[in-house]
Protein backbone atom coordinates (compact mmCIF):
# COMPACT_ATOMS: atom_id res chain seq x y z
CA MET A 1 86.57 -15.33 -45.78
CA LYS A 2 87.40 -16.45 -42.26
CA ARG A 3 85.26 -14.88 -39.48
CA LYS A 4 86.74 -13.36 -36.38
CA PRO A 5 86.27 -15.39 -33.17
CA TYR A 6 84.85 -12.48 -31.10
CA SER A 7 81.88 -11.89 -33.46
CA LEU A 8 80.28 -15.19 -32.41
CA PHE A 9 80.65 -14.25 -28.78
CA VAL A 10 79.00 -10.88 -29.37
CA ARG A 11 75.99 -12.42 -31.08
CA LEU A 12 75.46 -14.91 -28.24
CA LEU A 13 75.65 -12.11 -25.70
CA ILE A 14 73.08 -10.00 -27.55
CA GLY A 15 70.67 -12.96 -27.88
CA SER A 16 70.92 -13.72 -24.17
CA MET A 17 70.10 -10.12 -23.24
CA ILE A 18 67.03 -10.11 -25.51
CA TRP A 19 65.72 -13.36 -23.97
CA ILE A 20 66.22 -12.07 -20.43
CA ALA A 21 64.44 -8.82 -21.27
CA GLY A 22 61.47 -10.69 -22.80
CA PHE A 23 61.14 -12.94 -19.77
CA GLY A 24 61.07 -9.93 -17.44
CA LEU A 25 58.34 -8.17 -19.42
CA THR A 26 56.22 -11.32 -19.47
CA GLY A 27 56.51 -11.68 -15.68
CA CYS A 28 55.45 -8.06 -15.13
CA HIS A 29 52.40 -8.50 -17.36
CA SER A 30 51.34 -11.66 -15.54
CA SER A 31 51.69 -9.94 -12.17
CA SER A 32 49.64 -6.96 -13.39
CA VAL A 33 46.84 -9.24 -14.61
CA LYS A 34 46.72 -10.98 -11.24
CA GLN A 35 46.55 -7.69 -9.38
CA ASP A 36 43.74 -6.41 -11.64
CA SER A 37 41.76 -9.62 -11.10
CA ALA A 38 42.12 -9.30 -7.35
CA GLY A 39 40.93 -5.69 -7.49
CA LEU A 40 37.86 -6.73 -9.51
CA GLU A 41 37.03 -9.39 -6.95
CA LYS A 42 37.20 -6.74 -4.22
CA ARG A 43 34.82 -4.52 -6.21
CA ALA A 44 32.36 -7.32 -6.98
CA GLY A 45 28.68 -7.27 -6.00
CA TYR A 46 25.42 -9.07 -6.68
CA TYR A 47 21.97 -8.51 -8.17
CA THR A 48 19.05 -8.20 -5.73
CA CYS A 49 15.35 -7.24 -5.69
CA PRO A 50 14.41 -3.87 -4.07
CA MET A 51 11.29 -5.47 -2.54
CA HIS A 52 12.84 -8.81 -1.58
CA PRO A 53 16.48 -8.26 -0.58
CA GLN A 54 16.89 -11.93 0.33
CA ILE A 55 17.09 -12.67 -3.42
CA ARG A 56 20.73 -12.56 -4.63
CA ARG A 57 21.93 -13.48 -8.12
CA GLU A 58 25.25 -13.26 -9.90
CA GLN A 59 23.60 -12.40 -13.20
CA PRO A 60 20.83 -9.82 -14.00
CA GLY A 61 17.27 -11.05 -14.34
CA LYS A 62 13.80 -10.97 -12.77
CA CYS A 63 12.78 -11.48 -9.13
CA PRO A 64 11.21 -14.98 -8.75
CA ILE A 65 8.73 -13.57 -6.15
CA CYS A 66 7.37 -10.31 -7.57
CA GLY A 67 8.86 -10.22 -11.08
CA MET A 68 10.69 -6.90 -10.64
CA THR A 69 14.00 -6.30 -12.45
CA LEU A 70 16.97 -7.13 -10.24
CA GLN A 71 19.26 -4.22 -9.41
CA PHE A 72 23.03 -4.41 -9.01
CA HIS A 73 24.30 -3.90 -5.46
CA ALA A 74 28.05 -3.15 -5.37
CA LEU A 75 29.99 -4.05 -2.26
CA GLN A 76 32.30 -1.47 -0.73
CA SER A 77 35.64 -1.51 -2.57
CA ALA A 78 38.82 -2.19 -0.59
CA PRO A 79 42.50 -2.28 -1.74
CA ALA A 80 44.01 -5.70 -2.35
CA ASP A 81 46.10 -6.36 0.73
CA PRO A 82 47.03 -10.04 1.21
CA ASP A 83 48.51 -9.23 4.62
CA SER A 84 45.16 -7.88 5.94
CA ALA A 85 43.47 -10.44 8.19
CA SER A 86 40.01 -8.69 8.41
CA PRO A 87 38.88 -7.02 5.15
CA THR A 88 36.44 -4.08 5.34
CA VAL A 89 32.73 -5.13 5.22
CA ASP A 90 29.85 -2.96 3.92
CA SER A 91 27.99 -1.60 6.98
CA SER A 92 24.63 -1.63 5.15
CA LEU A 93 24.76 -5.40 4.71
CA SER A 94 23.41 -5.85 8.25
CA LEU A 95 20.12 -4.27 7.14
CA LEU A 96 19.60 -7.05 4.61
CA ALA A 97 19.56 -9.60 7.41
CA GLU A 98 16.49 -8.00 9.05
CA PRO A 99 12.99 -9.40 8.31
CA VAL A 100 11.32 -7.94 5.22
CA THR A 101 8.20 -7.28 7.32
CA ARG A 102 10.19 -4.94 9.56
CA THR A 103 12.72 -3.30 7.24
CA VAL A 104 12.07 -2.53 3.57
CA ILE A 105 14.72 -1.45 1.06
CA GLY A 106 13.68 0.54 -1.98
CA SER A 107 13.00 3.96 -3.44
CA PHE A 108 9.65 5.41 -2.26
CA PRO A 109 8.14 8.91 -2.05
CA VAL A 110 8.56 10.35 1.45
CA ILE A 111 6.94 13.12 3.49
CA SER A 112 7.52 14.76 6.86
CA PRO A 113 4.85 15.55 9.50
CA GLN A 114 3.09 18.84 8.78
CA LEU A 115 2.10 21.35 11.47
CA GLN A 116 -1.60 22.22 10.98
CA PRO A 117 -4.24 23.99 13.11
CA LEU A 118 -6.78 21.79 14.86
CA ALA A 119 -10.27 22.28 13.45
CA ASP A 120 -13.16 22.66 15.88
CA THR A 121 -15.83 21.55 13.35
CA LEU A 122 -16.40 18.41 11.30
CA GLN A 123 -17.84 18.35 7.78
CA ALA A 124 -20.20 15.56 6.72
CA PHE A 125 -22.91 14.67 4.20
CA GLY A 126 -26.46 13.50 4.79
CA TYR A 127 -29.99 13.39 3.48
CA LEU A 128 -33.58 13.96 4.63
CA THR A 129 -36.03 11.11 5.15
CA TYR A 130 -39.19 10.29 7.08
CA ASP A 131 -39.03 9.52 10.77
CA GLN A 132 -39.60 5.76 10.87
CA ARG A 133 -40.71 5.90 14.51
CA TYR A 134 -44.09 7.22 13.31
CA THR A 135 -44.85 4.40 10.87
CA GLN A 136 -48.35 2.90 11.16
CA LEU A 137 -49.26 -0.65 10.09
CA ILE A 138 -52.65 -1.63 8.69
CA THR A 139 -53.43 -5.00 10.29
CA PRO A 140 -56.83 -6.74 9.97
CA ARG A 141 -58.12 -7.94 13.35
CA VAL A 142 -60.29 -10.63 11.74
CA SER A 143 -59.75 -12.82 8.68
CA GLY A 144 -61.79 -12.06 5.61
CA ARG A 145 -62.06 -11.41 1.89
CA ILE A 146 -61.30 -8.11 0.15
CA GLU A 147 -64.53 -6.84 -1.37
CA ALA A 148 -63.34 -3.38 -2.52
CA LEU A 149 -60.05 -1.47 -2.80
CA TYR A 150 -59.78 2.31 -2.55
CA VAL A 151 -55.99 2.51 -3.13
CA HIS A 152 -54.50 1.09 -6.31
CA ALA A 153 -50.71 1.55 -6.12
CA LEU A 154 -47.90 1.90 -3.67
CA TYR A 155 -46.77 5.33 -2.47
CA GLU A 156 -50.21 6.83 -2.91
CA ARG A 157 -50.88 9.77 -0.65
CA VAL A 158 -53.62 9.08 1.93
CA GLN A 159 -55.19 11.19 4.65
CA ALA A 160 -56.04 10.22 8.20
CA GLY A 161 -59.42 8.44 8.24
CA GLN A 162 -59.42 7.78 4.49
CA PRO A 163 -60.96 4.35 3.56
CA LEU A 164 -58.41 1.86 2.22
CA MET A 165 -60.51 -1.27 1.60
CA LYS A 166 -63.68 -3.12 2.52
CA LEU A 167 -63.54 -6.65 3.99
CA TYR A 168 -66.15 -9.38 4.30
CA SER A 169 -65.77 -11.44 7.49
CA PRO A 170 -68.19 -14.23 8.48
CA GLU A 171 -66.90 -13.97 12.05
CA LEU A 172 -67.74 -10.28 12.30
CA LEU A 173 -71.11 -10.84 10.62
CA ALA A 174 -72.08 -13.40 13.26
CA LEU A 175 -70.99 -11.09 16.06
CA GLN A 176 -73.20 -8.30 14.68
CA ARG A 177 -76.24 -10.59 14.76
CA TYR A 178 -75.64 -11.41 18.43
CA TRP A 179 -75.43 -7.69 19.16
CA ILE A 180 -78.71 -7.02 17.30
CA GLN A 181 -80.45 -9.70 19.40
CA ALA A 182 -79.15 -8.03 22.56
CA LEU A 183 -80.43 -4.68 21.32
CA ARG A 184 -83.89 -6.11 20.73
CA ALA A 185 -83.85 -7.76 24.15
CA HIS A 186 -82.68 -4.53 25.79
CA ASP A 187 -79.93 -6.47 27.63
CA THR A 188 -77.78 -3.53 28.70
CA ALA A 189 -74.79 -5.52 29.98
CA LEU A 190 -74.67 -7.77 26.91
CA ILE A 191 -75.12 -4.80 24.57
CA ALA A 192 -72.11 -2.96 26.05
CA SER A 193 -69.95 -6.09 26.00
CA LEU A 194 -70.74 -6.99 22.38
CA GLN A 195 -70.36 -3.37 21.24
CA GLN A 196 -66.90 -3.15 22.71
CA ASN A 197 -66.02 -6.49 21.11
CA LEU A 198 -67.11 -5.22 17.69
CA LEU A 199 -64.96 -2.11 18.10
CA ASN A 200 -62.00 -4.27 19.05
CA GLN A 201 -62.51 -6.41 15.93
CA GLY A 202 -62.14 -3.36 13.71
CA MET A 203 -65.60 -1.95 13.08
CA LEU A 204 -65.88 1.83 13.04
CA PRO A 205 -68.17 3.74 15.47
CA GLU A 206 -70.24 5.11 12.58
CA GLU A 207 -70.74 1.56 11.27
CA LEU A 208 -72.02 0.44 14.66
CA GLN A 209 -74.35 3.43 14.75
CA GLN A 210 -75.81 2.39 11.39
CA VAL A 211 -76.38 -1.18 12.59
CA LYS A 212 -78.01 0.09 15.76
CA GLN A 213 -80.42 2.30 13.84
CA THR A 214 -81.39 -0.24 11.14
CA LEU A 215 -81.01 -3.43 13.23
CA GLN A 216 -79.48 -4.96 10.09
CA PRO A 217 -75.89 -6.35 10.04
CA LEU A 218 -73.32 -4.96 7.62
CA THR A 219 -71.88 -7.55 5.29
CA THR A 220 -68.57 -5.65 5.00
CA PHE A 221 -66.55 -3.38 7.25
CA THR A 222 -64.01 -0.70 6.30
CA LEU A 223 -60.27 -0.43 7.03
CA VAL A 224 -59.16 3.22 7.22
CA SER A 225 -55.76 4.94 7.42
CA PRO A 226 -54.92 5.96 11.00
CA VAL A 227 -52.56 8.77 9.90
CA SER A 228 -51.73 10.85 6.85
CA GLY A 229 -48.82 9.70 4.75
CA TRP A 230 -47.96 7.39 1.89
CA ILE A 231 -48.66 3.68 1.39
CA PHE A 232 -45.89 1.06 1.41
CA ILE A 233 -45.52 -2.71 1.88
CA PRO A 234 -44.43 -3.48 5.45
CA HIS A 235 -43.03 -6.94 4.72
CA ALA A 236 -40.76 -5.86 1.82
CA SER A 237 -37.11 -6.89 1.83
CA SER A 238 -34.58 -4.69 3.60
CA ASP A 239 -33.05 -3.58 0.28
CA ALA A 240 -36.43 -2.56 -1.10
CA ALA A 241 -37.39 -0.80 2.11
CA ALA A 242 -34.17 1.24 1.99
CA SER A 243 -34.81 2.25 -1.63
CA PRO A 244 -38.52 2.62 -2.54
CA THR A 245 -37.72 2.64 -6.24
CA LEU A 246 -36.72 -1.06 -5.99
CA GLN A 247 -40.23 -2.09 -4.92
CA PRO A 248 -42.96 -2.95 -7.44
CA MET A 249 -45.50 -0.18 -7.81
CA GLN A 250 -48.57 -2.43 -7.81
CA LEU A 251 -50.20 -3.68 -4.63
CA PRO A 252 -49.43 -7.27 -3.56
CA PHE A 253 -53.17 -8.16 -3.51
CA VAL A 254 -56.34 -7.53 -5.55
CA THR A 255 -60.06 -7.61 -4.95
CA GLY A 256 -61.14 -11.10 -3.94
CA ASP A 257 -57.95 -12.03 -2.07
CA TYR A 258 -58.16 -13.29 1.51
CA VAL A 259 -56.29 -11.67 4.39
CA GLN A 260 -55.31 -13.21 7.69
CA ALA A 261 -55.99 -11.71 11.10
CA GLY A 262 -52.91 -10.26 12.78
CA ILE A 263 -50.76 -10.07 9.60
CA PRO A 264 -50.00 -6.51 8.36
CA ILE A 265 -51.08 -5.96 4.78
CA LEU A 266 -50.19 -2.28 4.33
CA GLY A 267 -48.17 0.41 6.06
CA VAL A 268 -48.54 4.16 6.19
CA GLN A 269 -45.41 6.27 6.58
CA THR A 270 -46.38 9.57 8.15
CA ASP A 271 -44.68 12.75 6.98
CA ALA A 272 -45.46 14.69 10.15
CA ARG A 273 -41.96 14.10 11.48
CA ILE A 274 -38.66 14.22 9.56
CA TRP A 275 -35.15 13.21 10.46
CA ALA A 276 -31.79 13.85 8.81
CA ILE A 277 -29.32 10.98 8.40
CA VAL A 278 -25.74 12.32 8.69
CA GLN A 279 -22.98 9.93 7.66
CA VAL A 280 -19.62 10.32 9.41
CA SER A 281 -16.47 8.23 9.22
CA ASN A 282 -15.29 6.07 12.11
CA ASP A 283 -12.48 8.44 13.07
CA GLN A 284 -14.93 11.36 13.19
CA LEU A 285 -17.33 9.30 15.28
CA ALA A 286 -14.73 8.99 18.04
CA ASN A 287 -15.05 12.74 18.71
CA LEU A 288 -18.87 12.93 18.66
CA SER A 289 -21.55 12.23 21.23
CA VAL A 290 -25.32 12.62 21.57
CA GLY A 291 -26.29 16.26 22.08
CA ASP A 292 -23.49 17.82 20.00
CA PRO A 293 -24.72 20.80 17.93
CA VAL A 294 -25.32 20.32 14.20
CA GLU A 295 -25.95 22.79 11.39
CA LEU A 296 -27.72 21.47 8.28
CA TYR A 297 -27.81 23.28 4.96
CA ARG A 298 -28.53 22.42 1.34
CA GLU A 299 -25.88 22.19 -1.35
CA GLY A 300 -25.22 25.64 -2.77
CA MET A 301 -27.30 27.38 -0.08
CA PRO A 302 -25.08 27.66 3.01
CA ASP A 303 -27.06 30.63 4.35
CA GLN A 304 -30.28 28.61 4.81
CA LYS A 305 -29.29 26.71 7.93
CA VAL A 306 -31.25 24.48 10.26
CA ARG A 307 -29.77 24.22 13.74
CA ALA A 308 -30.33 21.02 15.71
CA HIS A 309 -28.29 18.46 17.64
CA ILE A 310 -27.32 14.80 17.40
CA ASP A 311 -30.23 12.73 18.76
CA PHE A 312 -29.08 9.15 18.16
CA ILE A 313 -25.84 7.28 17.44
CA PRO A 314 -26.46 3.64 16.41
CA PRO A 315 -24.54 1.01 18.41
CA TYR A 316 -23.78 -1.00 15.27
CA ARG A 317 -22.33 -0.50 11.82
CA ASP A 318 -23.71 -1.37 8.43
CA ALA A 319 -22.11 -4.64 7.32
CA GLU A 320 -21.93 -3.43 3.72
CA ASP A 321 -20.05 -0.23 4.58
CA ALA A 322 -18.35 -0.42 7.97
CA ARG A 323 -16.32 2.76 7.33
CA PHE A 324 -19.26 5.07 8.06
CA ALA A 325 -21.88 5.48 10.77
CA SER A 326 -25.32 7.04 10.22
CA LEU A 327 -26.26 9.57 12.89
CA ARG A 328 -29.85 10.76 13.35
CA VAL A 329 -30.94 14.37 13.74
CA TYR A 330 -34.65 14.69 14.56
CA LEU A 331 -36.57 17.57 12.99
CA GLN A 332 -40.06 18.60 14.06
CA ALA A 333 -41.14 19.53 10.53
CA LEU A 334 -39.80 19.81 7.02
CA PRO A 335 -38.22 23.26 6.54
CA PRO A 336 -39.79 25.42 3.81
CA GLY A 337 -38.38 24.59 0.40
CA TRP A 338 -36.70 21.37 1.57
CA LYS A 339 -37.68 17.97 0.17
CA VAL A 340 -37.47 14.42 1.41
CA ASN A 341 -34.44 12.46 0.10
CA GLN A 342 -32.63 15.73 -0.63
CA LEU A 343 -28.87 15.65 -0.11
CA LEU A 344 -27.54 17.85 2.68
CA ARG A 345 -24.28 19.09 4.12
CA ALA A 346 -23.70 19.16 7.85
CA ARG A 347 -21.34 20.98 10.20
CA LEU A 348 -20.85 19.16 13.49
CA TYR A 349 -19.40 20.80 16.58
CA PRO A 350 -18.01 18.03 18.82
CA LEU A 351 -17.99 18.87 22.52
CA LEU A 352 -15.82 15.85 23.31
CA GLY A 353 -12.15 16.86 23.36
CA ARG A 354 -12.88 20.60 23.19
CA GLU A 355 -10.64 21.27 26.21
CA HIS A 356 -7.82 19.46 24.44
CA ARG A 357 -8.29 21.66 21.39
CA ARG A 358 -8.12 24.79 23.53
CA SER A 359 -4.84 23.74 25.16
CA ALA A 360 -3.28 22.74 21.81
CA SER A 361 -4.42 24.80 18.84
CA GLN A 362 -2.00 23.03 16.44
CA GLY A 363 -0.82 19.50 15.84
CA TRP A 364 1.46 17.41 13.65
CA PHE A 365 -0.41 15.67 10.83
CA ILE A 366 0.54 13.04 8.25
CA PRO A 367 -1.43 11.70 5.26
CA ARG A 368 -3.82 8.89 6.06
CA SER A 369 -2.22 6.88 3.25
CA ALA A 370 1.08 6.84 5.18
CA VAL A 371 -0.45 4.76 7.99
CA ASP A 372 -0.73 0.97 8.03
CA ASP A 373 -3.83 0.32 10.15
CA LEU A 374 -3.36 -3.09 11.77
CA GLY A 375 -6.47 -2.95 13.95
CA ARG A 376 -5.20 -2.29 17.46
CA HIS A 377 -1.94 -0.81 16.19
CA GLN A 378 -1.04 1.83 13.60
CA VAL A 379 2.36 1.70 11.90
CA VAL A 380 4.34 4.08 9.66
CA TRP A 381 7.52 3.40 7.69
CA VAL A 382 10.33 5.74 8.80
CA GLN A 383 13.25 6.49 6.48
CA ASP A 384 16.67 5.54 7.87
CA ALA A 385 18.81 8.61 8.63
CA ARG A 386 22.00 7.14 7.10
CA HIS A 387 20.49 5.03 4.34
CA PRO A 388 17.75 6.89 2.39
CA GLN A 389 16.56 3.72 0.67
CA VAL A 390 15.96 1.85 3.94
CA PHE A 391 12.63 2.14 5.81
CA HIS A 392 11.81 0.77 9.27
CA ALA A 393 8.33 0.02 10.62
CA ARG A 394 7.39 2.02 13.73
CA GLU A 395 4.19 2.13 15.79
CA VAL A 396 2.51 5.54 16.26
CA LYS A 397 -0.42 6.90 18.26
CA LEU A 398 -3.00 8.83 16.26
CA GLY A 399 -5.37 11.60 17.32
CA PHE A 400 -7.90 13.72 15.45
CA SER A 401 -8.59 13.39 11.74
CA GLN A 402 -9.09 16.25 9.30
CA GLY A 403 -9.98 15.15 5.80
CA ASP A 404 -7.14 13.08 4.35
CA TRP A 405 -4.80 13.96 7.24
CA VAL A 406 -4.53 12.41 10.69
CA GLN A 407 -2.82 13.78 13.80
CA VAL A 408 0.22 12.00 15.23
CA VAL A 409 0.23 12.14 19.04
CA ALA A 410 3.28 9.94 19.75
CA GLY A 411 5.85 7.78 17.97
CA LEU A 412 7.09 10.26 15.36
CA GLN A 413 9.34 13.31 15.71
CA PRO A 414 9.11 16.50 13.63
CA GLY A 415 11.56 16.36 10.74
CA GLU A 416 11.54 12.58 10.37
CA ARG A 417 10.62 11.37 6.92
CA ILE A 418 8.16 8.54 6.28
CA ALA A 419 6.88 6.71 3.23
CA ARG A 420 3.87 8.52 1.78
CA GLU A 421 2.10 5.31 0.64
CA ALA A 422 2.29 2.66 3.35
CA GLY A 423 0.27 0.20 1.30
CA TYR A 424 3.17 -0.26 -1.13
CA MET A 425 5.71 -1.29 1.50
CA VAL A 426 4.71 -4.93 2.07
CA ASP A 427 2.30 -7.31 0.39
CA SER A 428 -1.14 -7.98 1.83
CA ASP A 429 -0.18 -11.45 3.13
CA SER A 430 2.69 -10.23 5.33
CA PHE A 431 2.49 -9.63 9.08
CA VAL A 432 4.16 -6.29 9.83
CA THR A 433 6.48 -6.25 12.85
CA TRP A 434 8.32 -3.36 14.50
CA ALA A 435 10.85 -2.69 17.22
CA GLU A 436 9.34 -2.06 20.66
């Protein structure tokens, strides 16, 4: 059958329309893909470390400095506009350019200054011990040999005038014989001179009286305790002297040992006078001075008080614990029921700064942990008002301390928020800087 000529024309027309339609759809899809890719580029970001914002990575991972997991930081999205000459930039990016020792980015617990009343008393701990100003040393005035010992261990209780040991001294024996010859010759001037010399060498008056009556020299003379107290070793190490339990209990010599003139062999710590050692922190010490009133009481017995005052503030600090200073409170006698080495509590009433406390009964306080103490400067980390995860270092002036809180005198406004733990903001090897 012969086909009509127009049917071929119709089929060609339909095929052309289908091809044109397919080409148009393909072009639209390609354009849409390009637009979506441009939008993704505008919404792109990077991975960074919260503690070290200078680290930027395109892929997630760990911080090469501290090992923390990198967090994604998305840049501010902007519409794809090829005609725009200056695209919008994230305003927080300028904070990343600041030094990490001045601005820290991260999520940290924060706190605001708290209004608290100023306390007019300070609380401290202490203990009772013997007054070391009344220590007596037993020092032989002549060399000799120990013939007899009347004390057998350290920390024995002795009374004033109690014999401690007997010594044999050839030098003292010869001097006695010269004195006996002077007595027999009735040489008054020589008798008085030799008698005084024997007393100076350590012989007792009753021993001289015995020699004078018998006209026979004593082969030994006696060392006695000058005061009542307990025996200790005067040349013990500083650690052993501070803690008697560290010392050996036996004496460092026995019968038959020789002693040298002028070298102390024993010491007697008198218990006639007592002092209390009160330990205060350095910030408390700044408010105290000699003469400030002190109340001492035992743990669990606050009603049994002993009122005194600060008698001595040492001009140095213990190298092993420089955070505290040991104040001395002199007591004339041990209160009834109190014991040496007993722990005490103390209330101190500082007179220094009392006028300031009267004029300002309240103050703004922050936790001590929120302060970076740099020696001559104290710094806190203030939260940025517009960016809660940004903290800036700022110098502050501190005042009185009350427990774990310290007063802020200048550098911080009420309502501002600071990092609660300043020690977590930078590592220990960094040098903190701040804006003047």
